[in-house]
N, C-alpha and C. Protein backbone atom coordinates (compact mmCIF):
# COMPACT_ATOMS: atom_id res chain seq x y z
N MET A 1 76.26 -5.73 6.50
CA MET A 1 77.03 -6.77 6.80
C MET A 1 77.79 -6.93 8.30
N LEU A 2 77.84 -8.16 8.65
CA LEU A 2 78.43 -8.56 9.74
C LEU A 2 79.55 -9.31 9.62
N PHE A 3 80.66 -9.23 10.24
CA PHE A 3 81.83 -10.06 10.42
C PHE A 3 82.17 -10.48 11.61
N LEU A 4 82.29 -11.84 11.66
CA LEU A 4 82.54 -12.53 13.05
C LEU A 4 83.68 -13.59 12.89
N GLU A 5 84.59 -13.53 13.74
CA GLU A 5 85.75 -14.61 14.03
C GLU A 5 85.97 -14.57 15.38
N ASP A 6 86.83 -15.54 15.62
CA ASP A 6 87.03 -15.77 16.90
C ASP A 6 88.34 -16.77 17.05
N VAL A 7 89.12 -16.84 17.96
CA VAL A 7 90.26 -17.53 18.46
C VAL A 7 90.16 -18.33 19.49
N GLY A 8 90.44 -19.59 19.56
CA GLY A 8 90.72 -20.81 20.62
C GLY A 8 89.42 -20.81 21.43
N GLU A 9 88.08 -20.58 20.62
CA GLU A 9 86.69 -21.03 21.45
C GLU A 9 86.27 -22.33 20.85
N LYS A 10 85.75 -23.21 21.76
CA LYS A 10 85.32 -24.49 21.42
C LYS A 10 83.95 -24.36 20.67
N PRO A 11 83.90 -25.16 19.65
CA PRO A 11 82.46 -24.81 18.89
C PRO A 11 81.33 -24.80 19.44
N TYR A 12 80.96 -25.63 20.58
CA TYR A 12 79.67 -25.63 21.53
C TYR A 12 79.61 -24.39 22.16
N ARG A 13 80.72 -23.31 22.25
CA ARG A 13 80.71 -22.11 22.72
C ARG A 13 80.31 -20.90 21.60
N VAL A 14 80.84 -21.24 20.54
CA VAL A 14 80.54 -20.62 19.40
C VAL A 14 79.05 -20.76 19.06
N GLU A 15 78.39 -21.91 19.14
CA GLU A 15 77.23 -22.20 18.92
C GLU A 15 76.34 -21.56 19.93
N ARG A 16 76.86 -21.26 21.02
CA ARG A 16 75.74 -20.87 22.11
C ARG A 16 75.75 -19.16 21.90
N MET A 17 77.10 -18.64 21.33
CA MET A 17 77.01 -17.11 21.09
C MET A 17 76.10 -17.05 20.14
N LEU A 18 76.09 -18.05 18.87
CA LEU A 18 75.66 -17.43 17.69
C LEU A 18 73.74 -17.66 18.06
N THR A 19 73.68 -18.79 18.84
CA THR A 19 72.28 -18.88 19.04
C THR A 19 71.81 -17.85 19.83
N HIS A 20 72.61 -17.44 20.79
CA HIS A 20 72.03 -16.24 21.68
C HIS A 20 71.78 -14.89 20.82
N LEU A 21 72.63 -14.54 19.60
CA LEU A 21 72.36 -13.38 18.79
C LEU A 21 71.09 -13.76 17.83
N LYS A 22 71.06 -14.98 17.44
CA LYS A 22 69.80 -15.16 16.81
C LYS A 22 68.56 -14.89 17.47
N MET A 23 68.46 -15.73 18.69
CA MET A 23 67.19 -15.64 19.71
C MET A 23 66.96 -14.31 19.91
N ALA A 24 67.96 -13.40 20.01
CA ALA A 24 67.55 -11.96 20.47
C ALA A 24 67.30 -11.18 19.28
N GLY A 25 67.31 -11.55 18.11
CA GLY A 25 66.82 -10.79 17.06
C GLY A 25 68.08 -9.82 16.38
N LYS A 26 69.44 -10.28 16.58
CA LYS A 26 70.27 -9.24 16.41
C LYS A 26 70.85 -9.57 14.89
N LEU A 27 70.16 -10.72 14.53
CA LEU A 27 70.92 -11.40 12.89
C LEU A 27 69.74 -11.22 11.99
N GLU A 28 68.54 -10.52 12.21
CA GLU A 28 67.36 -10.53 11.35
C GLU A 28 67.74 -9.60 10.32
N ARG A 29 68.15 -8.57 10.26
CA ARG A 29 68.23 -7.56 9.54
C ARG A 29 69.62 -7.29 8.76
N LEU A 30 70.22 -8.38 8.77
CA LEU A 30 71.65 -8.14 8.15
C LEU A 30 71.53 -8.13 6.43
N ALA A 31 72.45 -7.65 5.73
CA ALA A 31 72.47 -7.53 4.24
C ALA A 31 73.42 -8.91 4.16
N GLY A 32 74.27 -9.22 4.89
CA GLY A 32 74.77 -10.28 4.88
C GLY A 32 75.77 -10.63 6.02
N LEU A 33 76.60 -11.98 6.17
CA LEU A 33 77.22 -12.35 7.18
C LEU A 33 78.34 -13.24 6.81
N VAL A 34 79.66 -12.65 7.34
CA VAL A 34 80.97 -13.18 7.01
C VAL A 34 81.61 -13.71 8.32
N PHE A 35 82.12 -14.94 8.09
CA PHE A 35 82.65 -15.57 9.30
C PHE A 35 84.14 -15.69 8.79
N GLY A 36 85.13 -15.44 9.70
CA GLY A 36 86.31 -15.63 9.61
C GLY A 36 86.87 -17.10 9.61
N ASP A 37 88.35 -17.26 10.02
CA ASP A 37 88.99 -18.43 10.18
C ASP A 37 88.69 -19.09 11.03
N PHE A 38 88.53 -18.69 12.47
CA PHE A 38 88.17 -19.23 13.64
C PHE A 38 88.97 -20.31 13.96
N THR A 39 90.34 -19.48 14.32
CA THR A 39 91.48 -20.11 14.44
C THR A 39 91.69 -20.76 15.51
N GLN A 40 92.17 -22.06 15.86
CA GLN A 40 92.27 -22.99 17.00
C GLN A 40 90.87 -23.09 17.86
N CYS A 41 89.98 -23.27 16.79
CA CYS A 41 88.61 -23.51 17.58
C CYS A 41 88.26 -24.78 17.35
N ASP A 42 88.99 -25.91 17.55
CA ASP A 42 88.65 -27.17 17.19
C ASP A 42 88.03 -27.81 18.69
N GLY A 43 87.27 -28.63 18.47
CA GLY A 43 86.67 -29.27 19.68
C GLY A 43 86.48 -31.13 19.30
N GLU A 44 86.19 -31.51 20.66
CA GLU A 44 86.18 -32.97 20.49
C GLU A 44 84.96 -33.67 20.11
N GLY A 45 83.99 -33.05 19.82
CA GLY A 45 82.59 -33.42 19.31
C GLY A 45 82.67 -33.59 17.86
N PRO A 46 81.52 -34.35 17.25
CA PRO A 46 81.10 -34.59 16.08
C PRO A 46 81.03 -33.28 15.37
N ARG A 47 80.45 -32.09 15.75
CA ARG A 47 80.31 -30.98 14.74
C ARG A 47 81.50 -30.12 15.03
N ASP A 48 81.91 -29.62 13.87
CA ASP A 48 82.86 -28.44 13.87
C ASP A 48 82.15 -26.89 13.50
N ILE A 49 82.92 -25.92 13.90
CA ILE A 49 82.29 -24.70 13.48
C ILE A 49 81.58 -24.63 12.14
N ARG A 50 82.33 -25.23 11.09
CA ARG A 50 81.65 -25.33 9.54
C ARG A 50 80.17 -25.70 9.81
N ALA A 51 79.97 -26.78 10.36
CA ALA A 51 78.57 -27.52 10.67
C ALA A 51 77.84 -26.68 11.58
N ILE A 52 78.26 -26.24 12.55
CA ILE A 52 77.31 -25.32 13.28
C ILE A 52 76.89 -24.01 12.48
N ILE A 53 77.70 -23.63 11.80
CA ILE A 53 77.22 -22.08 11.16
C ILE A 53 76.40 -22.58 9.98
N GLY A 54 76.46 -24.06 9.20
CA GLY A 54 75.80 -24.49 8.35
C GLY A 54 74.22 -24.64 8.68
N GLU A 55 74.25 -25.35 9.85
CA GLU A 55 72.86 -25.58 10.76
C GLU A 55 72.43 -24.57 11.00
N LEU A 56 72.79 -23.39 11.60
CA LEU A 56 71.93 -22.32 12.34
C LEU A 56 71.77 -21.38 10.89
N PHE A 57 72.37 -21.27 9.89
CA PHE A 57 72.15 -20.27 8.85
C PHE A 57 71.84 -20.55 7.66
N HIS A 58 71.48 -22.16 7.41
CA HIS A 58 71.14 -22.58 6.21
C HIS A 58 69.80 -22.09 5.53
N LYS A 59 68.84 -21.51 6.54
CA LYS A 59 67.61 -20.59 5.89
C LYS A 59 67.61 -19.38 5.91
N ALA A 60 68.98 -18.88 6.03
CA ALA A 60 69.09 -17.27 6.36
C ALA A 60 68.43 -16.33 5.07
N SER A 61 67.89 -15.54 5.07
CA SER A 61 67.49 -14.64 3.94
C SER A 61 68.75 -13.64 3.24
N TYR A 62 69.60 -13.97 3.74
CA TYR A 62 70.96 -12.96 3.36
C TYR A 62 72.19 -14.09 3.12
N PRO A 63 73.11 -13.46 2.36
CA PRO A 63 74.07 -14.38 2.03
C PRO A 63 75.00 -14.70 3.16
N VAL A 64 75.62 -15.84 3.43
CA VAL A 64 76.36 -16.22 4.45
C VAL A 64 77.82 -16.78 3.68
N VAL A 65 78.84 -16.34 4.25
CA VAL A 65 80.21 -16.86 3.54
C VAL A 65 81.18 -17.18 4.95
N MET A 66 81.55 -18.31 4.78
CA MET A 66 82.63 -19.02 5.79
C MET A 66 83.99 -18.70 5.28
N GLY A 67 84.93 -18.53 6.02
CA GLY A 67 86.27 -18.90 5.95
C GLY A 67 87.15 -17.73 5.24
N MET A 68 86.62 -16.52 5.73
CA MET A 68 87.32 -15.34 5.12
C MET A 68 88.40 -14.84 5.84
N PRO A 69 89.63 -15.20 5.44
CA PRO A 69 91.02 -15.02 5.80
C PRO A 69 91.33 -13.45 6.36
N ALA A 70 90.50 -13.13 7.57
CA ALA A 70 90.57 -11.82 8.15
C ALA A 70 90.41 -12.14 9.59
N GLY A 71 91.10 -11.23 10.37
CA GLY A 71 90.79 -11.36 11.78
C GLY A 71 92.42 -11.75 12.44
N HIS A 72 92.44 -12.87 13.03
CA HIS A 72 93.69 -13.47 13.89
C HIS A 72 94.26 -14.56 13.33
N GLY A 73 93.89 -15.11 11.76
CA GLY A 73 94.70 -15.94 11.33
C GLY A 73 95.99 -15.62 10.38
N GLN A 74 96.60 -16.52 10.01
CA GLN A 74 97.92 -16.07 9.51
C GLN A 74 97.83 -15.02 8.60
N GLU A 75 96.72 -15.48 7.54
CA GLU A 75 96.54 -14.34 6.50
C GLU A 75 95.60 -13.59 6.99
N ASN A 76 95.89 -12.32 6.84
CA ASN A 76 95.00 -10.94 7.66
C ASN A 76 94.36 -10.12 6.70
N LEU A 77 93.28 -10.14 5.77
CA LEU A 77 92.88 -9.15 4.90
C LEU A 77 92.41 -7.85 5.53
N VAL A 78 92.42 -6.99 5.15
CA VAL A 78 91.81 -5.84 5.53
C VAL A 78 90.41 -5.51 5.16
N LEU A 79 89.56 -5.43 6.25
CA LEU A 79 87.97 -5.17 5.87
C LEU A 79 87.94 -3.83 6.39
N PRO A 80 87.52 -2.94 5.30
CA PRO A 80 87.40 -1.39 5.72
C PRO A 80 85.87 -1.20 6.07
N PHE A 81 85.75 -0.29 7.26
CA PHE A 81 84.47 0.17 7.46
C PHE A 81 84.14 1.45 6.73
N GLY A 82 82.88 1.50 6.61
CA GLY A 82 82.34 2.48 6.06
C GLY A 82 82.12 2.56 4.81
N VAL A 83 82.60 1.41 3.74
CA VAL A 83 82.57 1.70 2.42
C VAL A 83 81.36 0.63 1.91
N LYS A 84 80.76 0.50 0.76
CA LYS A 84 79.83 -0.19 0.10
C LYS A 84 80.80 -1.67 -0.28
N LEU A 85 80.36 -2.62 0.02
CA LEU A 85 80.79 -3.73 -0.53
C LEU A 85 79.82 -4.81 -1.14
N ALA A 86 80.21 -5.56 -1.85
CA ALA A 86 79.17 -6.44 -2.50
C ALA A 86 79.66 -8.05 -1.93
N LEU A 87 78.48 -8.84 -1.22
CA LEU A 87 79.03 -10.12 -0.76
C LEU A 87 78.12 -11.24 -2.05
N ASP A 88 79.14 -12.04 -2.10
CA ASP A 88 78.19 -12.99 -3.21
C ASP A 88 78.24 -14.49 -2.50
N GLY A 89 77.14 -14.83 -1.83
CA GLY A 89 77.16 -16.10 -0.91
C GLY A 89 77.45 -17.19 -2.13
N ASP A 90 77.03 -17.07 -3.35
CA ASP A 90 77.44 -18.48 -4.05
C ASP A 90 78.45 -18.47 -4.71
N ALA A 91 79.25 -17.47 -4.92
CA ALA A 91 80.85 -17.60 -5.14
C ALA A 91 81.58 -17.23 -3.85
N GLY A 92 81.11 -16.98 -2.83
CA GLY A 92 81.99 -16.72 -1.68
C GLY A 92 82.96 -15.77 -1.75
N THR A 93 82.41 -14.76 -2.24
CA THR A 93 83.30 -13.52 -2.49
C THR A 93 82.81 -12.38 -1.99
N LEU A 94 83.73 -11.26 -1.58
CA LEU A 94 83.30 -10.08 -0.77
C LEU A 94 84.36 -8.96 -1.83
N SER A 95 83.40 -8.23 -2.39
CA SER A 95 84.47 -7.33 -3.20
C SER A 95 83.90 -5.69 -3.04
N LEU A 96 85.07 -4.89 -3.01
CA LEU A 96 84.85 -3.33 -2.80
C LEU A 96 84.16 -2.90 -3.75
N ILE A 97 83.10 -2.09 -3.52
CA ILE A 97 82.14 -1.47 -4.65
C ILE A 97 82.91 0.05 -4.83
N GLU A 98 83.25 0.54 -3.58
CA GLU A 98 83.76 2.05 -3.54
C GLU A 98 85.31 1.90 -3.15
N SER A 99 85.98 2.82 -3.30
CA SER A 99 87.47 3.00 -2.83
C SER A 99 87.44 3.15 -1.21
N PRO A 100 88.18 2.49 -0.36
CA PRO A 100 88.26 2.83 1.12
C PRO A 100 89.15 3.97 1.35
N VAL A 101 89.76 4.57 0.38
CA VAL A 101 90.70 5.92 0.48
C VAL A 101 89.98 7.05 -0.25
N ALA A 102 90.05 8.18 0.23
CA ALA A 102 89.66 9.39 -0.42
C ALA A 102 90.98 9.95 -1.38
C-alpha cells in the first residue's frame, strides 16, 4: 500500500507528479493506494484534486481511497509502518489486521 498527501500544491502540479509516477511504472504493483487530505491544494481551474485522482486511477487494478485524515491536516491519524492492513476501496476504509506494537 502507498499513502500520498501534500500541502499547498496546485492541482495541476499534483496531476503532473502522479502522471510521472504512473508513466514510470512506479504505481503498477501496488496492493492499494491511499490519498490524504491534500490541505490547501486548491486551484483556479475546473478540476480539483479529487477529480484528477478519479481520472488517473478509475481503471486501477487495486483499491484507491481518497481523503484519509492523515499527514498534515487538522486530524492526523497514525499510519504504522510494517504491519498488515486491509484496504476496502468500496467502503473507503483502512483497517489494522495486526497490532503495530509488540
